[in-house]
Amino acid sequence: MKANVDALNIIQLGLALSDSQGNLPDFNTPFCYIWEFNFKNFDIHRDYCHKDSIDLLKRQGIDFLKNKYKRILSSDFGMMLSDLLFNYFRGLTWISFHSAYDFAVLLKILTQHLLSNNADSFIEQLTYYFGEKIFDIKHTFKFLGDSLHQRRRFK
C-alpha cells in the first residue's frame, strides 16, 4: 500500500458526512449533499496510470485536461482539511469501507510527505489527524463473520 500511495497522485476524493442518525446534510433544501473534489496534481501524460482505469474515469465524466487547469492542489486541500479537523471536527467518528488506502492518501495530503515506513508511525499519524474512532465496515464484517447474520435473523 505504501509504495502505491507514495508513487501515485490523487485524482478525486469523495466525502459523505452524516449526523449520528445517518442523516446527510440538506442545508434546508430538498436535497442531500455529498462532496466530490477533483485535484490537479495528477497529470495523465506524466504520472503512472493504467489505461483501463483512466478510460473508466473518463466515461464517468472526469476531464483530465480541465482538472489540470481548473481544479485544486492537494496541498491546498490538505491545509484546509487540517484546519477543519483540528478546529471544527475533533471527536468525529469515521465510518468507511475498505479504507486503509483512502486514509493513507489523506495522510499523504495532510502531511505533504511520503508515508512512514513504520506501521506504528502510520497509526500514530492517523490517530493524530482523525482521532481514535475509525471503523472500517469491511473488516468489522470479517471479524463478526456469520454471527451478525445469525443475530439479525433471530431478532
N, C-alpha and C. Protein backbone atom coordinates (compact mmCIF):
# COMPACT_ATOMS: atom_id res chain seq x y z
N MET A 1 0.82 -1.18 0.00
CA MET A 1 0.00 0.00 0.00
C MET A 1 0.88 1.26 0.00
N LYS A 2 1.90 1.28 0.84
CA LYS A 2 2.77 2.46 0.94
C LYS A 2 3.38 2.80 -0.41
N ALA A 3 3.88 1.81 -1.11
CA ALA A 3 4.52 2.06 -2.40
C ALA A 3 3.53 2.70 -3.38
N ASN A 4 2.30 2.19 -3.42
CA ASN A 4 1.30 2.76 -4.32
C ASN A 4 0.93 4.19 -3.94
N VAL A 5 0.68 4.42 -2.67
CA VAL A 5 0.30 5.77 -2.22
C VAL A 5 1.44 6.75 -2.48
N ASP A 6 2.66 6.35 -2.18
CA ASP A 6 3.81 7.23 -2.39
C ASP A 6 4.01 7.55 -3.87
N ALA A 7 3.75 6.57 -4.74
CA ALA A 7 4.03 6.74 -6.17
C ALA A 7 2.94 7.48 -6.93
N LEU A 8 1.72 7.44 -6.45
CA LEU A 8 0.60 7.96 -7.23
C LEU A 8 0.09 9.30 -6.70
N ASN A 9 -0.48 10.07 -7.60
CA ASN A 9 -1.13 11.33 -7.24
C ASN A 9 -2.64 11.14 -7.25
N ILE A 10 -3.31 11.79 -6.33
CA ILE A 10 -4.75 11.67 -6.21
C ILE A 10 -5.44 12.36 -7.40
N ILE A 11 -6.52 11.75 -7.86
CA ILE A 11 -7.33 12.31 -8.94
C ILE A 11 -8.60 12.92 -8.36
N GLN A 12 -9.26 12.16 -7.50
CA GLN A 12 -10.57 12.58 -6.99
C GLN A 12 -10.78 12.02 -5.59
N LEU A 13 -11.53 12.76 -4.78
CA LEU A 13 -11.88 12.32 -3.43
C LEU A 13 -13.35 12.63 -3.21
N GLY A 14 -14.08 11.67 -2.68
CA GLY A 14 -15.48 11.88 -2.33
C GLY A 14 -15.67 11.72 -0.83
N LEU A 15 -16.48 12.59 -0.24
CA LEU A 15 -16.79 12.52 1.18
C LEU A 15 -18.29 12.64 1.38
N ALA A 16 -18.81 11.81 2.25
CA ALA A 16 -20.20 11.92 2.68
C ALA A 16 -20.18 12.07 4.20
N LEU A 17 -20.81 13.10 4.69
CA LEU A 17 -20.87 13.37 6.12
C LEU A 17 -22.30 13.16 6.60
N SER A 18 -22.43 12.66 7.82
CA SER A 18 -23.78 12.48 8.37
C SER A 18 -23.75 12.75 9.86
N ASP A 19 -24.94 12.91 10.42
CA ASP A 19 -25.03 13.04 11.87
C ASP A 19 -25.07 11.64 12.48
N SER A 20 -25.24 11.55 13.78
CA SER A 20 -25.20 10.25 14.45
C SER A 20 -26.37 9.35 14.07
N GLN A 21 -27.39 9.91 13.44
CA GLN A 21 -28.53 9.13 12.99
C GLN A 21 -28.40 8.70 11.53
N GLY A 22 -27.32 9.09 10.88
CA GLY A 22 -27.10 8.74 9.49
C GLY A 22 -27.70 9.72 8.49
N ASN A 23 -28.20 10.85 8.96
CA ASN A 23 -28.79 11.84 8.07
C ASN A 23 -27.70 12.66 7.38
N LEU A 24 -27.82 12.76 6.06
CA LEU A 24 -26.91 13.59 5.29
C LEU A 24 -27.34 15.05 5.41
N PRO A 25 -26.41 15.99 5.27
CA PRO A 25 -26.79 17.40 5.35
C PRO A 25 -27.69 17.79 4.18
N ASP A 26 -28.68 18.64 4.47
CA ASP A 26 -29.57 19.11 3.40
C ASP A 26 -29.58 20.63 3.26
N PHE A 27 -28.99 21.33 4.21
CA PHE A 27 -28.91 22.79 4.17
C PHE A 27 -30.27 23.43 3.89
N ASN A 28 -31.30 22.84 4.50
CA ASN A 28 -32.67 23.33 4.36
C ASN A 28 -33.16 23.37 2.92
N THR A 29 -32.73 22.39 2.15
CA THR A 29 -33.21 22.23 0.77
C THR A 29 -33.80 20.83 0.66
N PRO A 30 -34.45 20.51 -0.45
CA PRO A 30 -34.98 19.15 -0.61
C PRO A 30 -33.90 18.13 -0.99
N PHE A 31 -32.64 18.53 -1.03
CA PHE A 31 -31.56 17.67 -1.48
C PHE A 31 -30.63 17.30 -0.34
N CYS A 32 -29.97 16.17 -0.48
CA CYS A 32 -28.89 15.79 0.44
C CYS A 32 -27.57 16.03 -0.28
N TYR A 33 -26.53 16.30 0.50
CA TYR A 33 -25.27 16.69 -0.10
C TYR A 33 -24.13 15.74 0.28
N ILE A 34 -23.33 15.44 -0.71
CA ILE A 34 -22.03 14.81 -0.53
C ILE A 34 -21.03 15.69 -1.28
N TRP A 35 -19.75 15.48 -1.05
CA TRP A 35 -18.75 16.33 -1.69
C TRP A 35 -17.81 15.48 -2.53
N GLU A 36 -17.47 16.03 -3.69
CA GLU A 36 -16.52 15.38 -4.59
C GLU A 36 -15.49 16.44 -4.97
N PHE A 37 -14.23 16.12 -4.74
CA PHE A 37 -13.14 17.05 -5.03
C PHE A 37 -12.28 16.46 -6.14
N ASN A 38 -12.00 17.27 -7.15
CA ASN A 38 -11.11 16.87 -8.23
C ASN A 38 -9.81 17.65 -8.08
N PHE A 39 -8.70 16.94 -8.24
CA PHE A 39 -7.39 17.53 -7.98
C PHE A 39 -6.60 17.70 -9.27
N LYS A 40 -5.73 18.70 -9.24
CA LYS A 40 -4.90 18.99 -10.41
C LYS A 40 -3.53 18.34 -10.34
N ASN A 41 -3.20 17.64 -9.27
CA ASN A 41 -1.87 17.04 -9.13
C ASN A 41 -1.59 15.95 -10.16
N PHE A 42 -2.61 15.20 -10.52
CA PHE A 42 -2.42 14.08 -11.43
C PHE A 42 -2.28 14.60 -12.86
N ASP A 43 -1.25 14.15 -13.54
CA ASP A 43 -1.02 14.51 -14.94
C ASP A 43 -1.08 13.22 -15.76
N ILE A 44 -2.09 13.13 -16.60
CA ILE A 44 -2.32 11.91 -17.38
C ILE A 44 -1.13 11.56 -18.28
N HIS A 45 -0.34 12.54 -18.66
CA HIS A 45 0.80 12.30 -19.54
C HIS A 45 2.09 12.02 -18.78
N ARG A 46 2.14 12.37 -17.50
CA ARG A 46 3.36 12.23 -16.72
C ARG A 46 3.29 11.10 -15.69
N ASP A 47 2.15 10.98 -15.03
CA ASP A 47 2.02 10.04 -13.92
C ASP A 47 1.72 8.63 -14.39
N TYR A 48 2.17 7.68 -13.58
CA TYR A 48 1.87 6.28 -13.85
C TYR A 48 0.36 6.08 -13.77
N CYS A 49 -0.18 5.37 -14.73
CA CYS A 49 -1.62 5.07 -14.70
C CYS A 49 -1.90 3.84 -15.54
N HIS A 50 -3.03 3.24 -15.28
CA HIS A 50 -3.49 2.07 -16.01
C HIS A 50 -4.54 2.53 -17.00
N LYS A 51 -4.35 2.23 -18.27
CA LYS A 51 -5.24 2.73 -19.32
C LYS A 51 -6.70 2.41 -19.05
N ASP A 52 -6.99 1.19 -18.62
CA ASP A 52 -8.39 0.82 -18.36
C ASP A 52 -9.00 1.68 -17.25
N SER A 53 -8.23 1.98 -16.23
CA SER A 53 -8.72 2.83 -15.14
C SER A 53 -8.99 4.25 -15.64
N ILE A 54 -8.09 4.76 -16.44
CA ILE A 54 -8.26 6.11 -16.99
C ILE A 54 -9.48 6.16 -17.90
N ASP A 55 -9.65 5.14 -18.72
CA ASP A 55 -10.83 5.08 -19.60
C ASP A 55 -12.12 5.06 -18.79
N LEU A 56 -12.14 4.29 -17.71
CA LEU A 56 -13.31 4.24 -16.84
C LEU A 56 -13.60 5.62 -16.24
N LEU A 57 -12.57 6.28 -15.74
CA LEU A 57 -12.76 7.61 -15.16
C LEU A 57 -13.26 8.61 -16.20
N LYS A 58 -12.75 8.52 -17.41
CA LYS A 58 -13.24 9.41 -18.48
C LYS A 58 -14.71 9.14 -18.77
N ARG A 59 -15.09 7.86 -18.83
CA ARG A 59 -16.51 7.52 -19.06
C ARG A 59 -17.39 8.02 -17.93
N GLN A 60 -16.83 8.13 -16.74
CA GLN A 60 -17.58 8.62 -15.58
C GLN A 60 -17.58 10.15 -15.49
N GLY A 61 -16.95 10.80 -16.46
CA GLY A 61 -17.03 12.26 -16.52
C GLY A 61 -15.80 13.02 -16.06
N ILE A 62 -14.72 12.33 -15.72
CA ILE A 62 -13.51 13.04 -15.32
C ILE A 62 -12.86 13.64 -16.57
N ASP A 63 -12.62 14.93 -16.53
CA ASP A 63 -11.97 15.64 -17.61
C ASP A 63 -10.56 15.99 -17.13
N PHE A 64 -9.58 15.22 -17.54
CA PHE A 64 -8.22 15.37 -17.03
C PHE A 64 -7.59 16.70 -17.42
N LEU A 65 -7.90 17.20 -18.60
CA LEU A 65 -7.37 18.50 -19.01
C LEU A 65 -7.96 19.61 -18.14
N LYS A 66 -9.25 19.55 -17.91
CA LYS A 66 -9.91 20.54 -17.04
C LYS A 66 -9.35 20.45 -15.62
N ASN A 67 -9.15 19.23 -15.13
CA ASN A 67 -8.58 19.05 -13.79
C ASN A 67 -7.22 19.73 -13.67
N LYS A 68 -6.43 19.61 -14.72
CA LYS A 68 -5.06 20.14 -14.68
C LYS A 68 -5.04 21.66 -14.49
N TYR A 69 -6.04 22.35 -15.04
CA TYR A 69 -6.03 23.81 -15.01
C TYR A 69 -7.05 24.44 -14.08
N LYS A 70 -8.13 23.73 -13.76
CA LYS A 70 -9.22 24.37 -13.02
C LYS A 70 -9.56 23.72 -11.70
N ARG A 71 -8.81 22.76 -11.26
CA ARG A 71 -9.14 22.09 -10.01
C ARG A 71 -8.15 22.48 -8.92
N ILE A 72 -8.26 21.84 -7.76
CA ILE A 72 -7.46 22.27 -6.61
C ILE A 72 -6.20 21.42 -6.44
N LEU A 73 -5.20 22.04 -5.85
CA LEU A 73 -3.98 21.32 -5.49
C LEU A 73 -4.23 20.54 -4.21
N SER A 74 -3.68 19.36 -4.13
CA SER A 74 -3.87 18.56 -2.91
C SER A 74 -3.26 19.26 -1.70
N SER A 75 -2.19 20.04 -1.89
CA SER A 75 -1.59 20.74 -0.75
C SER A 75 -2.54 21.80 -0.19
N ASP A 76 -3.26 22.51 -1.06
CA ASP A 76 -4.26 23.49 -0.59
C ASP A 76 -5.40 22.78 0.13
N PHE A 77 -5.85 21.69 -0.44
CA PHE A 77 -6.91 20.91 0.19
C PHE A 77 -6.45 20.40 1.56
N GLY A 78 -5.21 19.92 1.63
CA GLY A 78 -4.66 19.42 2.88
C GLY A 78 -4.63 20.47 3.97
N MET A 79 -4.25 21.70 3.61
CA MET A 79 -4.23 22.78 4.61
C MET A 79 -5.64 23.08 5.12
N MET A 80 -6.61 23.13 4.20
CA MET A 80 -7.99 23.40 4.61
C MET A 80 -8.56 22.26 5.45
N LEU A 81 -8.29 21.02 5.02
CA LEU A 81 -8.78 19.87 5.76
C LEU A 81 -8.16 19.82 7.15
N SER A 82 -6.88 20.09 7.24
CA SER A 82 -6.21 20.09 8.54
C SER A 82 -6.85 21.11 9.48
N ASP A 83 -7.12 22.29 8.97
CA ASP A 83 -7.78 23.33 9.77
C ASP A 83 -9.15 22.85 10.25
N LEU A 84 -9.92 22.25 9.37
CA LEU A 84 -11.24 21.74 9.75
C LEU A 84 -11.13 20.64 10.79
N LEU A 85 -10.20 19.71 10.58
CA LEU A 85 -10.07 18.58 11.51
C LEU A 85 -9.69 19.04 12.91
N PHE A 86 -8.80 20.01 13.00
CA PHE A 86 -8.33 20.45 14.32
C PHE A 86 -9.22 21.49 14.99
N ASN A 87 -9.92 22.29 14.21
CA ASN A 87 -10.70 23.38 14.79
C ASN A 87 -12.21 23.14 14.85
N TYR A 88 -12.72 22.26 14.02
CA TYR A 88 -14.16 22.09 13.96
C TYR A 88 -14.63 20.64 14.12
N PHE A 89 -13.83 19.71 13.70
CA PHE A 89 -14.29 18.32 13.62
C PHE A 89 -13.56 17.37 14.56
N ARG A 90 -13.08 17.84 15.70
CA ARG A 90 -12.45 16.95 16.67
C ARG A 90 -13.50 16.01 17.22
N GLY A 91 -13.15 14.77 17.42
CA GLY A 91 -14.07 13.81 18.02
C GLY A 91 -15.04 13.17 17.05
N LEU A 92 -14.81 13.34 15.75
CA LEU A 92 -15.69 12.68 14.79
C LEU A 92 -15.52 11.17 14.84
N THR A 93 -16.55 10.47 14.43
CA THR A 93 -16.46 9.04 14.19
C THR A 93 -16.39 8.85 12.68
N TRP A 94 -15.37 8.14 12.23
CA TRP A 94 -15.17 7.89 10.81
C TRP A 94 -15.62 6.48 10.49
N ILE A 95 -16.62 6.33 9.65
CA ILE A 95 -17.11 5.02 9.22
C ILE A 95 -16.81 4.92 7.73
N SER A 96 -16.12 3.86 7.37
CA SER A 96 -15.66 3.72 6.00
C SER A 96 -15.78 2.27 5.56
N PHE A 97 -15.45 2.03 4.31
CA PHE A 97 -15.44 0.67 3.78
C PHE A 97 -14.12 0.44 3.06
N HIS A 98 -13.34 -0.51 3.56
CA HIS A 98 -12.07 -0.89 2.94
C HIS A 98 -11.20 0.35 2.73
N SER A 99 -10.90 1.04 3.82
CA SER A 99 -10.40 2.41 3.70
C SER A 99 -8.94 2.64 4.09
N ALA A 100 -8.17 1.62 4.33
CA ALA A 100 -6.77 1.85 4.71
C ALA A 100 -6.06 2.68 3.65
N TYR A 101 -6.27 2.34 2.39
CA TYR A 101 -5.65 3.08 1.29
C TYR A 101 -6.14 4.52 1.28
N ASP A 102 -7.45 4.72 1.47
CA ASP A 102 -8.03 6.07 1.46
C ASP A 102 -7.42 6.94 2.56
N PHE A 103 -7.32 6.38 3.76
CA PHE A 103 -6.73 7.15 4.85
C PHE A 103 -5.25 7.40 4.61
N ALA A 104 -4.57 6.45 3.97
CA ALA A 104 -3.15 6.66 3.65
C ALA A 104 -2.99 7.82 2.67
N VAL A 105 -3.86 7.89 1.67
CA VAL A 105 -3.82 9.00 0.72
C VAL A 105 -4.11 10.32 1.44
N LEU A 106 -5.10 10.32 2.33
CA LEU A 106 -5.40 11.54 3.09
C LEU A 106 -4.22 11.97 3.96
N LEU A 107 -3.53 11.00 4.57
CA LEU A 107 -2.35 11.35 5.36
C LEU A 107 -1.26 11.97 4.49
N LYS A 108 -1.08 11.42 3.30
CA LYS A 108 -0.08 11.98 2.38
C LYS A 108 -0.45 13.42 2.03
N ILE A 109 -1.73 13.68 1.82
CA ILE A 109 -2.19 15.03 1.50
C ILE A 109 -2.02 15.96 2.71
N LEU A 110 -2.40 15.48 3.88
CA LEU A 110 -2.32 16.32 5.09
C LEU A 110 -0.88 16.66 5.47
N THR A 111 0.01 15.69 5.35
CA THR A 111 1.40 15.91 5.76
C THR A 111 2.27 16.46 4.64
N GLN A 112 1.84 16.27 3.40
CA GLN A 112 2.62 16.63 2.22
C GLN A 112 3.98 15.92 2.22
N HIS A 113 3.97 14.69 2.75
CA HIS A 113 5.17 13.85 2.77
C HIS A 113 4.79 12.43 2.37
N LEU A 114 5.79 11.67 1.97
CA LEU A 114 5.58 10.25 1.73
C LEU A 114 5.20 9.59 3.04
N LEU A 115 4.55 8.45 2.94
CA LEU A 115 4.13 7.73 4.15
C LEU A 115 5.34 7.19 4.91
N SER A 116 5.16 7.03 6.18
CA SER A 116 6.20 6.47 7.04
C SER A 116 6.45 5.00 6.67
N ASN A 117 7.66 4.54 6.88
CA ASN A 117 7.99 3.13 6.66
C ASN A 117 7.52 2.26 7.81
N ASN A 118 7.12 2.87 8.90
CA ASN A 118 6.79 2.17 10.12
C ASN A 118 5.28 2.15 10.35
N ALA A 119 4.70 0.97 10.54
CA ALA A 119 3.25 0.84 10.74
C ALA A 119 2.79 1.58 11.99
N ASP A 120 3.58 1.52 13.06
CA ASP A 120 3.20 2.23 14.29
C ASP A 120 3.15 3.74 14.07
N SER A 121 4.08 4.26 13.30
CA SER A 121 4.08 5.69 12.99
C SER A 121 2.86 6.05 12.14
N PHE A 122 2.50 5.18 11.21
CA PHE A 122 1.30 5.40 10.40
C PHE A 122 0.06 5.50 11.29
N ILE A 123 -0.09 4.57 12.22
CA ILE A 123 -1.23 4.57 13.13
C ILE A 123 -1.21 5.82 14.01
N GLU A 124 -0.02 6.21 14.45
CA GLU A 124 0.11 7.42 15.27
C GLU A 124 -0.35 8.66 14.50
N GLN A 125 0.07 8.78 13.24
CA GLN A 125 -0.35 9.92 12.42
C GLN A 125 -1.85 9.87 12.16
N LEU A 126 -2.35 8.68 11.88
CA LEU A 126 -3.78 8.51 11.63
C LEU A 126 -4.59 8.99 12.82
N THR A 127 -4.18 8.59 14.01
CA THR A 127 -4.86 8.99 15.24
C THR A 127 -4.72 10.48 15.48
N TYR A 128 -3.56 11.03 15.20
CA TYR A 128 -3.33 12.46 15.39
C TYR A 128 -4.31 13.29 14.56
N TYR A 129 -4.50 12.92 13.30
CA TYR A 129 -5.37 13.70 12.42
C TYR A 129 -6.85 13.33 12.54
N PHE A 130 -7.15 12.04 12.68
CA PHE A 130 -8.54 11.60 12.59
C PHE A 130 -9.13 11.11 13.90
N GLY A 131 -8.33 11.02 14.94
CA GLY A 131 -8.83 10.55 16.22
C GLY A 131 -8.82 9.03 16.30
N GLU A 132 -9.42 8.52 17.35
CA GLU A 132 -9.37 7.08 17.61
C GLU A 132 -10.63 6.34 17.15
N LYS A 133 -11.63 7.08 16.70
CA LYS A 133 -12.89 6.43 16.31
C LYS A 133 -12.96 6.28 14.79
N ILE A 134 -12.21 5.29 14.30
CA ILE A 134 -12.19 4.97 12.88
C ILE A 134 -12.64 3.53 12.73
N PHE A 135 -13.71 3.33 11.99
CA PHE A 135 -14.27 1.99 11.82
C PHE A 135 -14.33 1.66 10.34
N ASP A 136 -13.82 0.50 10.00
CA ASP A 136 -13.86 0.01 8.63
C ASP A 136 -14.88 -1.12 8.58
N ILE A 137 -16.00 -0.87 7.94
CA ILE A 137 -17.11 -1.83 7.93
C ILE A 137 -16.70 -3.17 7.32
N LYS A 138 -15.88 -3.15 6.28
CA LYS A 138 -15.46 -4.40 5.65
C LYS A 138 -14.75 -5.30 6.67
N HIS A 139 -13.85 -4.71 7.45
CA HIS A 139 -13.12 -5.50 8.43
C HIS A 139 -13.99 -5.86 9.63
N THR A 140 -14.94 -5.01 9.94
CA THR A 140 -15.88 -5.33 11.02
C THR A 140 -16.69 -6.56 10.65
N PHE A 141 -17.17 -6.63 9.42
CA PHE A 141 -17.94 -7.79 8.98
C PHE A 141 -17.08 -9.05 8.94
N LYS A 142 -15.82 -8.90 8.54
CA LYS A 142 -14.92 -10.06 8.55
C LYS A 142 -14.75 -10.58 9.97
N PHE A 143 -14.60 -9.66 10.92
CA PHE A 143 -14.41 -10.04 12.32
C PHE A 143 -15.66 -10.72 12.87
N LEU A 144 -16.83 -10.19 12.54
CA LEU A 144 -18.07 -10.76 13.06
C LEU A 144 -18.46 -12.06 12.37
N GLY A 145 -18.04 -12.21 11.12
CA GLY A 145 -18.36 -13.43 10.38
C GLY A 145 -19.86 -13.64 10.29
N ASP A 146 -20.29 -14.87 10.49
CA ASP A 146 -21.70 -15.21 10.39
C ASP A 146 -22.50 -14.78 11.61
N SER A 147 -21.85 -14.37 12.67
CA SER A 147 -22.58 -14.06 13.90
C SER A 147 -23.53 -12.88 13.70
N LEU A 148 -23.17 -11.90 12.87
CA LEU A 148 -24.05 -10.76 12.63
C LEU A 148 -25.32 -11.23 11.93
N HIS A 149 -25.17 -12.07 10.93
CA HIS A 149 -26.33 -12.60 10.20
C HIS A 149 -27.22 -13.41 11.14
N GLN A 150 -26.62 -14.24 11.97
CA GLN A 150 -27.40 -15.07 12.89
C GLN A 150 -28.13 -14.21 13.91
N ARG A 151 -27.50 -13.18 14.43
CA ARG A 151 -28.17 -12.30 15.39
C ARG A 151 -29.32 -11.55 14.75
N ARG A 152 -29.16 -11.09 13.53
CA ARG A 152 -30.22 -10.34 12.85
C ARG A 152 -31.40 -11.25 12.53
N ARG A 153 -31.14 -12.50 12.21
CA ARG A 153 -32.19 -13.42 11.81
C ARG A 153 -33.10 -13.75 12.98
N PHE A 154 -32.57 -13.78 14.19
CA PHE A 154 -33.36 -14.21 15.34
C PHE A 154 -34.01 -13.07 16.08
N LYS A 155 -33.80 -11.85 15.66
CA LYS A 155 -34.42 -10.71 16.36
C LYS A 155 -35.85 -10.55 15.96
